[in-house]
Amino acid sequence: RQIIEKDLAQGTYAERRWAGVPGGADIQ
């Protein structure tokens, strides 16, 4: 929980994109 809360506070994955299906960089 501490790791997740730290990542959320720092926006570690805030820029991720999701195409609705699994895929590599070109799809996501």
mmCIF file of all heavy atoms, coordinates in Angstrom:
data_MODEL
# 
_entry.id   MODEL 
# 
loop_
_atom_site.group_PDB 
_atom_site.id 
_atom_site.type_symbol 
_atom_site.label_atom_id 
_atom_site.label_alt_id 
_atom_site.label_comp_id 
_atom_site.label_asym_id 
_atom_site.label_entity_id 
_atom_site.label_seq_id 
_atom_site.pdbx_PDB_ins_code 
_atom_site.Cartn_x 
_atom_site.Cartn_y 
_atom_site.Cartn_z 
_atom_site.occupancy 
_atom_site.B_iso_or_equiv 
_atom_site.pdbx_formal_charge 
_atom_site.auth_seq_id 
_atom_site.auth_comp_id 
_atom_site.auth_asym_id 
_atom_site.auth_atom_id 
_atom_site.pdbx_PDB_model_num 
ATOM 1   N N   . ARG A 1 1  ? 0.830  -1.205 0.000   1.00 0.00 ? 1  ARG A N   1 
ATOM 2   C CA  . ARG A 1 1  ? 0.000  0.000  0.000   1.00 0.00 ? 1  ARG A CA  1 
ATOM 3   C C   . ARG A 1 1  ? 0.865  1.256  0.000   1.00 0.00 ? 1  ARG A C   1 
ATOM 4   O O   . ARG A 1 1  ? 0.561  2.243  -0.673  1.00 0.00 ? 1  ARG A O   1 
ATOM 5   C CB  . ARG A 1 1  ? -0.943 -0.014 1.218   1.00 0.00 ? 1  ARG A CB  1 
ATOM 6   C CG  . ARG A 1 1  ? -2.085 -1.016 1.102   1.00 0.00 ? 1  ARG A CG  1 
ATOM 7   C CD  . ARG A 1 1  ? -3.098 -0.847 2.220   1.00 0.00 ? 1  ARG A CD  1 
ATOM 8   N NE  . ARG A 1 1  ? -4.277 -1.672 1.972   1.00 0.00 ? 1  ARG A NE  1 
ATOM 9   C CZ  . ARG A 1 1  ? -4.641 -2.718 2.700   1.00 0.00 ? 1  ARG A CZ  1 
ATOM 10  N NH1 . ARG A 1 1  ? -3.913 -3.067 3.740   1.00 0.00 ? 1  ARG A NH1 1 
ATOM 11  N NH2 . ARG A 1 1  ? -5.715 -3.415 2.402   1.00 0.00 ? 1  ARG A NH2 1 
ATOM 12  N N   . GLN A 1 2  ? 1.959  1.220  0.741   1.00 0.00 ? 2  GLN A N   1 
ATOM 13  C CA  . GLN A 1 2  ? 2.859  2.378  0.786   1.00 0.00 ? 2  GLN A CA  1 
ATOM 14  C C   . GLN A 1 2  ? 3.492  2.640  -0.575  1.00 0.00 ? 2  GLN A C   1 
ATOM 15  O O   . GLN A 1 2  ? 3.616  3.797  -1.005  1.00 0.00 ? 2  GLN A O   1 
ATOM 16  C CB  . GLN A 1 2  ? 3.932  2.140  1.844   1.00 0.00 ? 2  GLN A CB  1 
ATOM 17  C CG  . GLN A 1 2  ? 3.387  2.143  3.271   1.00 0.00 ? 2  GLN A CG  1 
ATOM 18  C CD  . GLN A 1 2  ? 4.372  1.608  4.289   1.00 0.00 ? 2  GLN A CD  1 
ATOM 19  O OE1 . GLN A 1 2  ? 5.514  1.257  3.947   1.00 0.00 ? 2  GLN A OE1 1 
ATOM 20  N NE2 . GLN A 1 2  ? 3.961  1.527  5.548   1.00 0.00 ? 2  GLN A NE2 1 
ATOM 21  N N   . ILE A 1 3  ? 3.899  1.590  -1.289  1.00 0.00 ? 3  ILE A N   1 
ATOM 22  C CA  . ILE A 1 3  ? 4.475  1.742  -2.626  1.00 0.00 ? 3  ILE A CA  1 
ATOM 23  C C   . ILE A 1 3  ? 3.456  2.348  -3.581  1.00 0.00 ? 3  ILE A C   1 
ATOM 24  O O   . ILE A 1 3  ? 3.750  3.291  -4.336  1.00 0.00 ? 3  ILE A O   1 
ATOM 25  C CB  . ILE A 1 3  ? 4.973  0.379  -3.157  1.00 0.00 ? 3  ILE A CB  1 
ATOM 26  C CG1 . ILE A 1 3  ? 6.224  -0.064 -2.395  1.00 0.00 ? 3  ILE A CG1 1 
ATOM 27  C CG2 . ILE A 1 3  ? 5.254  0.445  -4.654  1.00 0.00 ? 3  ILE A CG2 1 
ATOM 28  C CD1 . ILE A 1 3  ? 6.624  -1.493 -2.671  1.00 0.00 ? 3  ILE A CD1 1 
ATOM 29  N N   . ILE A 1 4  ? 2.235  1.803  -3.567  1.00 0.00 ? 4  ILE A N   1 
ATOM 30  C CA  . ILE A 1 4  ? 1.193  2.297  -4.468  1.00 0.00 ? 4  ILE A CA  1 
ATOM 31  C C   . ILE A 1 4  ? 0.862  3.755  -4.165  1.00 0.00 ? 4  ILE A C   1 
ATOM 32  O O   . ILE A 1 4  ? 0.755  4.592  -5.084  1.00 0.00 ? 4  ILE A O   1 
ATOM 33  C CB  . ILE A 1 4  ? -0.061 1.409  -4.358  1.00 0.00 ? 4  ILE A CB  1 
ATOM 34  C CG1 . ILE A 1 4  ? 0.233  0.022  -4.926  1.00 0.00 ? 4  ILE A CG1 1 
ATOM 35  C CG2 . ILE A 1 4  ? -1.244 2.047  -5.086  1.00 0.00 ? 4  ILE A CG2 1 
ATOM 36  C CD1 . ILE A 1 4  ? -0.870 -0.991 -4.671  1.00 0.00 ? 4  ILE A CD1 1 
ATOM 37  N N   . GLU A 1 5  ? 0.710  4.069  -2.891  1.00 0.00 ? 5  GLU A N   1 
ATOM 38  C CA  . GLU A 1 5  ? 0.375  5.447  -2.521  1.00 0.00 ? 5  GLU A CA  1 
ATOM 39  C C   . GLU A 1 5  ? 1.488  6.419  -2.914  1.00 0.00 ? 5  GLU A C   1 
ATOM 40  O O   . GLU A 1 5  ? 1.217  7.556  -3.346  1.00 0.00 ? 5  GLU A O   1 
ATOM 41  C CB  . GLU A 1 5  ? 0.094  5.504  -1.019  1.00 0.00 ? 5  GLU A CB  1 
ATOM 42  C CG  . GLU A 1 5  ? -1.225 4.831  -0.650  1.00 0.00 ? 5  GLU A CG  1 
ATOM 43  C CD  . GLU A 1 5  ? -1.377 4.569  0.836   1.00 0.00 ? 5  GLU A CD  1 
ATOM 44  O OE1 . GLU A 1 5  ? -0.498 5.012  1.618   1.00 0.00 ? 5  GLU A OE1 1 
ATOM 45  O OE2 . GLU A 1 5  ? -2.361 3.912  1.236   1.00 0.00 ? 5  GLU A OE2 1 
ATOM 46  N N   . LYS A 1 6  ? 2.736  5.994  -2.802  1.00 0.00 ? 6  LYS A N   1 
ATOM 47  C CA  . LYS A 1 6  ? 3.846  6.853  -3.220  1.00 0.00 ? 6  LYS A CA  1 
ATOM 48  C C   . LYS A 1 6  ? 3.820  7.082  -4.722  1.00 0.00 ? 6  LYS A C   1 
ATOM 49  O O   . LYS A 1 6  ? 3.998  8.217  -5.205  1.00 0.00 ? 6  LYS A O   1 
ATOM 50  C CB  . LYS A 1 6  ? 5.172  6.221  -2.804  1.00 0.00 ? 6  LYS A CB  1 
ATOM 51  C CG  . LYS A 1 6  ? 6.392  7.054  -3.174  1.00 0.00 ? 6  LYS A CG  1 
ATOM 52  C CD  . LYS A 1 6  ? 7.683  6.374  -2.713  1.00 0.00 ? 6  LYS A CD  1 
ATOM 53  C CE  . LYS A 1 6  ? 8.908  7.192  -3.142  1.00 0.00 ? 6  LYS A CE  1 
ATOM 54  N NZ  . LYS A 1 6  ? 10.172 6.529  -2.716  1.00 0.00 ? 6  LYS A NZ  1 
ATOM 55  N N   . ASP A 1 7  ? 3.586  6.010  -5.491  1.00 0.00 ? 7  ASP A N   1 
ATOM 56  C CA  . ASP A 1 7  ? 3.528  6.151  -6.947  1.00 0.00 ? 7  ASP A CA  1 
ATOM 57  C C   . ASP A 1 7  ? 2.371  7.049  -7.374  1.00 0.00 ? 7  ASP A C   1 
ATOM 58  O O   . ASP A 1 7  ? 2.499  7.858  -8.309  1.00 0.00 ? 7  ASP A O   1 
ATOM 59  C CB  . ASP A 1 7  ? 3.384  4.770  -7.606  1.00 0.00 ? 7  ASP A CB  1 
ATOM 60  C CG  . ASP A 1 7  ? 4.692  4.005  -7.628  1.00 0.00 ? 7  ASP A CG  1 
ATOM 61  O OD1 . ASP A 1 7  ? 5.759  4.641  -7.514  1.00 0.00 ? 7  ASP A OD1 1 
ATOM 62  O OD2 . ASP A 1 7  ? 4.655  2.763  -7.765  1.00 0.00 ? 7  ASP A OD2 1 
ATOM 63  N N   . LEU A 1 8  ? 1.235  6.908  -6.700  1.00 0.00 ? 8  LEU A N   1 
ATOM 64  C CA  . LEU A 1 8  ? 0.098  7.768  -7.038  1.00 0.00 ? 8  LEU A CA  1 
ATOM 65  C C   . LEU A 1 8  ? 0.398  9.227  -6.712  1.00 0.00 ? 8  LEU A C   1 
ATOM 66  O O   . LEU A 1 8  ? 0.064  10.138 -7.482  1.00 0.00 ? 8  LEU A O   1 
ATOM 67  C CB  . LEU A 1 8  ? -1.151 7.295  -6.287  1.00 0.00 ? 8  LEU A CB  1 
ATOM 68  C CG  . LEU A 1 8  ? -1.747 5.951  -6.733  1.00 0.00 ? 8  LEU A CG  1 
ATOM 69  C CD1 . LEU A 1 8  ? -2.905 5.557  -5.829  1.00 0.00 ? 8  LEU A CD1 1 
ATOM 70  C CD2 . LEU A 1 8  ? -2.218 6.025  -8.183  1.00 0.00 ? 8  LEU A CD2 1 
ATOM 71  N N   . ALA A 1 9  ? 1.042  9.452  -5.558  1.00 0.00 ? 9  ALA A N   1 
ATOM 72  C CA  . ALA A 1 9  ? 1.367  10.829 -5.156  1.00 0.00 ? 9  ALA A CA  1 
ATOM 73  C C   . ALA A 1 9  ? 2.365  11.462 -6.115  1.00 0.00 ? 9  ALA A C   1 
ATOM 74  O O   . ALA A 1 9  ? 2.295  12.655 -6.411  1.00 0.00 ? 9  ALA A O   1 
ATOM 75  C CB  . ALA A 1 9  ? 1.929  10.831 -3.731  1.00 0.00 ? 9  ALA A CB  1 
ATOM 76  N N   . GLN A 1 10 ? 3.324  10.669 -6.614  1.00 0.00 ? 10 GLN A N   1 
ATOM 77  C CA  . GLN A 1 10 ? 4.345  11.196 -7.521  1.00 0.00 ? 10 GLN A CA  1 
ATOM 78  C C   . GLN A 1 10 ? 3.927  11.157 -8.988  1.00 0.00 ? 10 GLN A C   1 
ATOM 79  O O   . GLN A 1 10 ? 4.663  11.661 -9.845  1.00 0.00 ? 10 GLN A O   1 
ATOM 80  C CB  . GLN A 1 10 ? 5.644  10.406 -7.338  1.00 0.00 ? 10 GLN A CB  1 
ATOM 81  C CG  . GLN A 1 10 ? 6.268  10.562 -5.950  1.00 0.00 ? 10 GLN A CG  1 
ATOM 82  C CD  . GLN A 1 10 ? 7.534  9.746  -5.778  1.00 0.00 ? 10 GLN A CD  1 
ATOM 83  O OE1 . GLN A 1 10 ? 7.848  8.877  -6.601  1.00 0.00 ? 10 GLN A OE1 1 
ATOM 84  N NE2 . GLN A 1 10 ? 8.281  10.030 -4.720  1.00 0.00 ? 10 GLN A NE2 1 
ATOM 85  N N   . GLY A 1 11 ? 2.783  10.567 -9.275  1.00 0.00 ? 11 GLY A N   1 
ATOM 86  C CA  . GLY A 1 11 ? 2.316  10.484 -10.663 1.00 0.00 ? 11 GLY A CA  1 
ATOM 87  C C   . GLY A 1 11 ? 3.193  9.608  -11.536 1.00 0.00 ? 11 GLY A C   1 
ATOM 88  O O   . GLY A 1 11 ? 3.346  9.865  -12.740 1.00 0.00 ? 11 GLY A O   1 
ATOM 89  N N   . THR A 1 12 ? 3.751  8.562  -10.955 1.00 0.00 ? 12 THR A N   1 
ATOM 90  C CA  . THR A 1 12 ? 4.694  7.705  -11.680 1.00 0.00 ? 12 THR A CA  1 
ATOM 91  C C   . THR A 1 12 ? 4.103  7.187  -12.980 1.00 0.00 ? 12 THR A C   1 
ATOM 92  O O   . THR A 1 12 ? 4.783  7.131  -14.012 1.00 0.00 ? 12 THR A O   1 
ATOM 93  C CB  . THR A 1 12 ? 5.124  6.526  -10.787 1.00 0.00 ? 12 THR A CB  1 
ATOM 94  O OG1 . THR A 1 12 ? 5.661  7.035  -9.567  1.00 0.00 ? 12 THR A OG1 1 
ATOM 95  C CG2 . THR A 1 12 ? 6.154  5.659  -11.487 1.00 0.00 ? 12 THR A CG2 1 
ATOM 96  N N   . TYR A 1 13 ? 2.837  6.793  -12.947 1.00 0.00 ? 13 TYR A N   1 
ATOM 97  C CA  . TYR A 1 13 ? 2.216  6.208  -14.142 1.00 0.00 ? 13 TYR A CA  1 
ATOM 98  C C   . TYR A 1 13 ? 1.087  7.085  -14.684 1.00 0.00 ? 13 TYR A C   1 
ATOM 99  O O   . TYR A 1 13 ? 0.240  6.622  -15.445 1.00 0.00 ? 13 TYR A O   1 
ATOM 100 C CB  . TYR A 1 13 ? 1.677  4.808  -13.805 1.00 0.00 ? 13 TYR A CB  1 
ATOM 101 C CG  . TYR A 1 13 ? 2.758  3.827  -13.436 1.00 0.00 ? 13 TYR A CG  1 
ATOM 102 C CD1 . TYR A 1 13 ? 3.059  3.542  -12.111 1.00 0.00 ? 13 TYR A CD1 1 
ATOM 103 C CD2 . TYR A 1 13 ? 3.504  3.180  -14.425 1.00 0.00 ? 13 TYR A CD2 1 
ATOM 104 C CE1 . TYR A 1 13 ? 4.060  2.641  -11.773 1.00 0.00 ? 13 TYR A CE1 1 
ATOM 105 C CE2 . TYR A 1 13 ? 4.502  2.286  -14.104 1.00 0.00 ? 13 TYR A CE2 1 
ATOM 106 C CZ  . TYR A 1 13 ? 4.784  2.018  -12.771 1.00 0.00 ? 13 TYR A CZ  1 
ATOM 107 O OH  . TYR A 1 13 ? 5.784  1.119  -12.443 1.00 0.00 ? 13 TYR A OH  1 
ATOM 108 N N   . ALA A 1 14 ? 1.094  8.337  -14.316 1.00 0.00 ? 14 ALA A N   1 
ATOM 109 C CA  . ALA A 1 14 ? -0.020 9.219  -14.671 1.00 0.00 ? 14 ALA A CA  1 
ATOM 110 C C   . ALA A 1 14 ? -0.139 9.460  -16.175 1.00 0.00 ? 14 ALA A C   1 
ATOM 111 O O   . ALA A 1 14 ? -1.217 9.798  -16.670 1.00 0.00 ? 14 ALA A O   1 
ATOM 112 C CB  . ALA A 1 14 ? 0.121  10.553 -13.938 1.00 0.00 ? 14 ALA A CB  1 
ATOM 113 N N   . GLU A 1 15 ? 0.959  9.308  -16.919 1.00 0.00 ? 15 GLU A N   1 
ATOM 114 C CA  . GLU A 1 15 ? 0.937  9.582  -18.354 1.00 0.00 ? 15 GLU A CA  1 
ATOM 115 C C   . GLU A 1 15 ? 0.603  8.357  -19.196 1.00 0.00 ? 15 GLU A C   1 
ATOM 116 O O   . GLU A 1 15 ? 0.598  8.426  -20.426 1.00 0.00 ? 15 GLU A O   1 
ATOM 117 C CB  . GLU A 1 15 ? 2.296  10.137 -18.789 1.00 0.00 ? 15 GLU A CB  1 
ATOM 118 C CG  . GLU A 1 15 ? 2.708  11.414 -18.073 1.00 0.00 ? 15 GLU A CG  1 
ATOM 119 C CD  . GLU A 1 15 ? 1.692  12.526 -18.257 1.00 0.00 ? 15 GLU A CD  1 
ATOM 120 O OE1 . GLU A 1 15 ? 1.205  12.704 -19.396 1.00 0.00 ? 15 GLU A OE1 1 
ATOM 121 O OE2 . GLU A 1 15 ? 1.360  13.199 -17.251 1.00 0.00 ? 15 GLU A OE2 1 
ATOM 122 N N   . ARG A 1 16 ? 0.355  7.239  -18.541 1.00 0.00 ? 16 ARG A N   1 
ATOM 123 C CA  . ARG A 1 16 ? 0.060  6.024  -19.306 1.00 0.00 ? 16 ARG A CA  1 
ATOM 124 C C   . ARG A 1 16 ? -1.196 6.188  -20.150 1.00 0.00 ? 16 ARG A C   1 
ATOM 125 O O   . ARG A 1 16 ? -2.127 6.903  -19.786 1.00 0.00 ? 16 ARG A O   1 
ATOM 126 C CB  . ARG A 1 16 ? -0.163 4.822  -18.364 1.00 0.00 ? 16 ARG A CB  1 
ATOM 127 C CG  . ARG A 1 16 ? 1.073  4.209  -17.790 1.00 0.00 ? 16 ARG A CG  1 
ATOM 128 C CD  . ARG A 1 16 ? 0.700  3.070  -16.858 1.00 0.00 ? 16 ARG A CD  1 
ATOM 129 N NE  . ARG A 1 16 ? -0.350 3.474  -15.939 1.00 0.00 ? 16 ARG A NE  1 
ATOM 130 C CZ  . ARG A 1 16 ? -1.520 2.869  -15.825 1.00 0.00 ? 16 ARG A CZ  1 
ATOM 131 N NH1 . ARG A 1 16 ? -1.806 1.844  -16.581 1.00 0.00 ? 16 ARG A NH1 1 
ATOM 132 N NH2 . ARG A 1 16 ? -2.419 3.309  -14.955 1.00 0.00 ? 16 ARG A NH2 1 
ATOM 133 N N   . ARG A 1 17 ? -1.217 5.462  -21.240 1.00 0.00 ? 17 ARG A N   1 
ATOM 134 C CA  . ARG A 1 17 ? -2.401 5.434  -22.099 1.00 0.00 ? 17 ARG A CA  1 
ATOM 135 C C   . ARG A 1 17 ? -2.863 3.984  -22.226 1.00 0.00 ? 17 ARG A C   1 
ATOM 136 O O   . ARG A 1 17 ? -2.080 3.043  -22.075 1.00 0.00 ? 17 ARG A O   1 
ATOM 137 C CB  . ARG A 1 17 ? -2.094 6.047  -23.467 1.00 0.00 ? 17 ARG A CB  1 
ATOM 138 C CG  . ARG A 1 17 ? -1.508 7.453  -23.360 1.00 0.00 ? 17 ARG A CG  1 
ATOM 139 C CD  . ARG A 1 17 ? -1.312 8.097  -24.719 1.00 0.00 ? 17 ARG A CD  1 
ATOM 140 N NE  . ARG A 1 17 ? -2.549 8.611  -25.290 1.00 0.00 ? 17 ARG A NE  1 
ATOM 141 C CZ  . ARG A 1 17 ? -3.119 9.766  -24.958 1.00 0.00 ? 17 ARG A CZ  1 
ATOM 142 N NH1 . ARG A 1 17 ? -2.568 10.545 -24.050 1.00 0.00 ? 17 ARG A NH1 1 
ATOM 143 N NH2 . ARG A 1 17 ? -4.227 10.163 -25.543 1.00 0.00 ? 17 ARG A NH2 1 
ATOM 144 N N   . TRP A 1 18 ? -4.139 3.826  -22.501 1.00 0.00 ? 18 TRP A N   1 
ATOM 145 C CA  . TRP A 1 18 ? -4.719 2.489  -22.579 1.00 0.00 ? 18 TRP A CA  1 
ATOM 146 C C   . TRP A 1 18 ? -5.662 2.433  -23.764 1.00 0.00 ? 18 TRP A C   1 
ATOM 147 O O   . TRP A 1 18 ? -6.614 3.208  -23.869 1.00 0.00 ? 18 TRP A O   1 
ATOM 148 C CB  . TRP A 1 18 ? -5.464 2.159  -21.285 1.00 0.00 ? 18 TRP A CB  1 
ATOM 149 C CG  . TRP A 1 18 ? -6.216 0.862  -21.278 1.00 0.00 ? 18 TRP A CG  1 
ATOM 150 C CD1 . TRP A 1 18 ? -7.566 0.706  -21.146 1.00 0.00 ? 18 TRP A CD1 1 
ATOM 151 C CD2 . TRP A 1 18 ? -5.669 -0.462 -21.380 1.00 0.00 ? 18 TRP A CD2 1 
ATOM 152 N NE1 . TRP A 1 18 ? -7.899 -0.624 -21.156 1.00 0.00 ? 18 TRP A NE1 1 
ATOM 153 C CE2 . TRP A 1 18 ? -6.759 -1.372 -21.294 1.00 0.00 ? 18 TRP A CE2 1 
ATOM 154 C CE3 . TRP A 1 18 ? -4.383 -0.966 -21.535 1.00 0.00 ? 18 TRP A CE3 1 
ATOM 155 C CZ2 . TRP A 1 18 ? -6.574 -2.758 -21.376 1.00 0.00 ? 18 TRP A CZ2 1 
ATOM 156 C CZ3 . TRP A 1 18 ? -4.197 -2.347 -21.597 1.00 0.00 ? 18 TRP A CZ3 1 
ATOM 157 C CH2 . TRP A 1 18 ? -5.284 -3.229 -21.516 1.00 0.00 ? 18 TRP A CH2 1 
ATOM 158 N N   . ALA A 1 19 ? -5.371 1.518  -24.682 1.00 0.00 ? 19 ALA A N   1 
ATOM 159 C CA  . ALA A 1 19 ? -6.159 1.403  -25.911 1.00 0.00 ? 19 ALA A CA  1 
ATOM 160 C C   . ALA A 1 19 ? -7.371 0.494  -25.746 1.00 0.00 ? 19 ALA A C   1 
ATOM 161 O O   . ALA A 1 19 ? -8.102 0.263  -26.711 1.00 0.00 ? 19 ALA A O   1 
ATOM 162 C CB  . ALA A 1 19 ? -5.270 0.880  -27.039 1.00 0.00 ? 19 ALA A CB  1 
ATOM 163 N N   . GLY A 1 20 ? -7.561 -0.036 -24.543 1.00 0.00 ? 20 GLY A N   1 
ATOM 164 C CA  . GLY A 1 20 ? -8.694 -0.924 -24.304 1.00 0.00 ? 20 GLY A CA  1 
ATOM 165 C C   . GLY A 1 20 ? -8.363 -2.382 -24.493 1.00 0.00 ? 20 GLY A C   1 
ATOM 166 O O   . GLY A 1 20 ? -9.154 -3.256 -24.151 1.00 0.00 ? 20 GLY A O   1 
ATOM 167 N N   . VAL A 1 21 ? -7.202 -2.651 -25.063 1.00 0.00 ? 21 VAL A N   1 
ATOM 168 C CA  . VAL A 1 21 ? -6.733 -4.019 -25.275 1.00 0.00 ? 21 VAL A CA  1 
ATOM 169 C C   . VAL A 1 21 ? -5.231 -4.046 -25.018 1.00 0.00 ? 21 VAL A C   1 
ATOM 170 O O   . VAL A 1 21 ? -4.554 -3.018 -25.120 1.00 0.00 ? 21 VAL A O   1 
ATOM 171 C CB  . VAL A 1 21 ? -7.017 -4.509 -26.714 1.00 0.00 ? 21 VAL A CB  1 
ATOM 172 C CG1 . VAL A 1 21 ? -8.508 -4.644 -26.975 1.00 0.00 ? 21 VAL A CG1 1 
ATOM 173 C CG2 . VAL A 1 21 ? -6.367 -3.585 -27.743 1.00 0.00 ? 21 VAL A CG2 1 
ATOM 174 N N   . PRO A 1 22 ? -4.680 -5.213 -24.693 1.00 0.00 ? 22 PRO A N   1 
ATOM 175 C CA  . PRO A 1 22 ? -3.234 -5.301 -24.538 1.00 0.00 ? 22 PRO A CA  1 
ATOM 176 C C   . PRO A 1 22 ? -2.534 -4.993 -25.857 1.00 0.00 ? 22 PRO A C   1 
ATOM 177 O O   . PRO A 1 22 ? -3.050 -5.267 -26.946 1.00 0.00 ? 22 PRO A O   1 
ATOM 178 C CB  . PRO A 1 22 ? -3.012 -6.768 -24.121 1.00 0.00 ? 22 PRO A CB  1 
ATOM 179 C CG  . PRO A 1 22 ? -4.321 -7.207 -23.557 1.00 0.00 ? 22 PRO A CG  1 
ATOM 180 C CD  . PRO A 1 22 ? -5.359 -6.481 -24.359 1.00 0.00 ? 22 PRO A CD  1 
ATOM 181 N N   . GLY A 1 23 ? -1.346 -4.417 -25.744 1.00 0.00 ? 23 GLY A N   1 
ATOM 182 C CA  . GLY A 1 23 ? -0.581 -4.116 -26.953 1.00 0.00 ? 23 GLY A CA  1 
ATOM 183 C C   . GLY A 1 23 ? 0.712  -3.408 -26.613 1.00 0.00 ? 23 GLY A C   1 
ATOM 184 O O   . GLY A 1 23 ? 0.909  -2.923 -25.493 1.00 0.00 ? 23 GLY A O   1 
ATOM 185 N N   . GLY A 1 24 ? 1.587  -3.318 -27.615 1.00 0.00 ? 24 GLY A N   1 
ATOM 186 C CA  . GLY A 1 24 ? 2.856  -2.643 -27.454 1.00 0.00 ? 24 GLY A CA  1 
ATOM 187 C C   . GLY A 1 24 ? 2.711  -1.140 -27.551 1.00 0.00 ? 24 GLY A C   1 
ATOM 188 O O   . GLY A 1 24 ? 1.599  -0.586 -27.563 1.00 0.00 ? 24 GLY A O   1 
ATOM 189 N N   . ALA A 1 25 ? 3.854  -0.448 -27.662 1.00 0.00 ? 25 ALA A N   1 
ATOM 190 C CA  . ALA A 1 25 ? 3.861  1.017  -27.652 1.00 0.00 ? 25 ALA A CA  1 
ATOM 191 C C   . ALA A 1 25 ? 3.051  1.592  -28.811 1.00 0.00 ? 25 ALA A C   1 
ATOM 192 O O   . ALA A 1 25 ? 2.386  2.627  -28.659 1.00 0.00 ? 25 ALA A O   1 
ATOM 193 C CB  . ALA A 1 25 ? 5.308  1.511  -27.718 1.00 0.00 ? 25 ALA A CB  1 
ATOM 194 N N   . ASP A 1 26 ? 3.083  0.936  -29.966 1.00 0.00 ? 26 ASP A N   1 
ATOM 195 C CA  . ASP A 1 26 ? 2.372  1.475  -31.126 1.00 0.00 ? 26 ASP A CA  1 
ATOM 196 C C   . ASP A 1 26 ? 0.857  1.467  -30.902 1.00 0.00 ? 26 ASP A C   1 
ATOM 197 O O   . ASP A 1 26 ? 0.150  2.385  -31.327 1.00 0.00 ? 26 ASP A O   1 
ATOM 198 C CB  . ASP A 1 26 ? 2.722  0.676  -32.385 1.00 0.00 ? 26 ASP A CB  1 
ATOM 199 C CG  . ASP A 1 26 ? 2.442  -0.809 -32.251 1.00 0.00 ? 26 ASP A CG  1 
ATOM 200 O OD1 . ASP A 1 26 ? 2.415  -1.304 -31.098 1.00 0.00 ? 26 ASP A OD1 1 
ATOM 201 O OD2 . ASP A 1 26 ? 2.255  -1.490 -33.279 1.00 0.00 ? 26 ASP A OD2 1 
ATOM 202 N N   . ILE A 1 27 ? 0.361  0.443  -30.224 1.00 0.00 ? 27 ILE A N   1 
ATOM 203 C CA  . ILE A 1 27 ? -1.083 0.357  -29.967 1.00 0.00 ? 27 ILE A CA  1 
ATOM 204 C C   . ILE A 1 27 ? -1.491 1.250  -28.803 1.00 0.00 ? 27 ILE A C   1 
ATOM 205 O O   . ILE A 1 27 ? -2.436 2.038  -28.904 1.00 0.00 ? 27 ILE A O   1 
ATOM 206 C CB  . ILE A 1 27 ? -1.486 -1.108 -29.698 1.00 0.00 ? 27 ILE A CB  1 
ATOM 207 C CG1 . ILE A 1 27 ? -1.333 -1.936 -30.989 1.00 0.00 ? 27 ILE A CG1 1 
ATOM 208 C CG2 . ILE A 1 27 ? -2.914 -1.193 -29.153 1.00 0.00 ? 27 ILE A CG2 1 
ATOM 209 C CD1 . ILE A 1 27 ? -1.639 -3.404 -30.818 1.00 0.00 ? 27 ILE A CD1 1 
ATOM 210 N N   . GLN A 1 28 ? -0.778 1.151  -27.687 1.00 0.00 ? 28 GLN A N   1 
ATOM 211 C CA  . GLN A 1 28 ? -1.161 1.924  -26.511 1.00 0.00 ? 28 GLN A CA  1 
ATOM 212 C C   . GLN A 1 28 ? -0.994 3.418  -26.733 1.00 0.00 ? 28 GLN A C   1 
ATOM 213 O O   . GLN A 1 28 ? -1.738 4.231  -26.170 1.00 0.00 ? 28 GLN A O   1 
ATOM 214 C CB  . GLN A 1 28 ? -0.338 1.477  -25.283 1.00 0.00 ? 28 GLN A CB  1 
ATOM 215 C CG  . GLN A 1 28 ? -0.490 0.014  -24.923 1.00 0.00 ? 28 GLN A CG  1 
ATOM 216 C CD  . GLN A 1 28 ? -1.924 -0.396 -24.597 1.00 0.00 ? 28 GLN A CD  1 
ATOM 217 O OE1 . GLN A 1 28 ? -2.822 0.428  -24.503 1.00 0.00 ? 28 GLN A OE1 1 
ATOM 218 N NE2 . GLN A 1 28 ? -2.134 -1.696 -24.460 1.00 0.00 ? 28 GLN A NE2 1 
# 
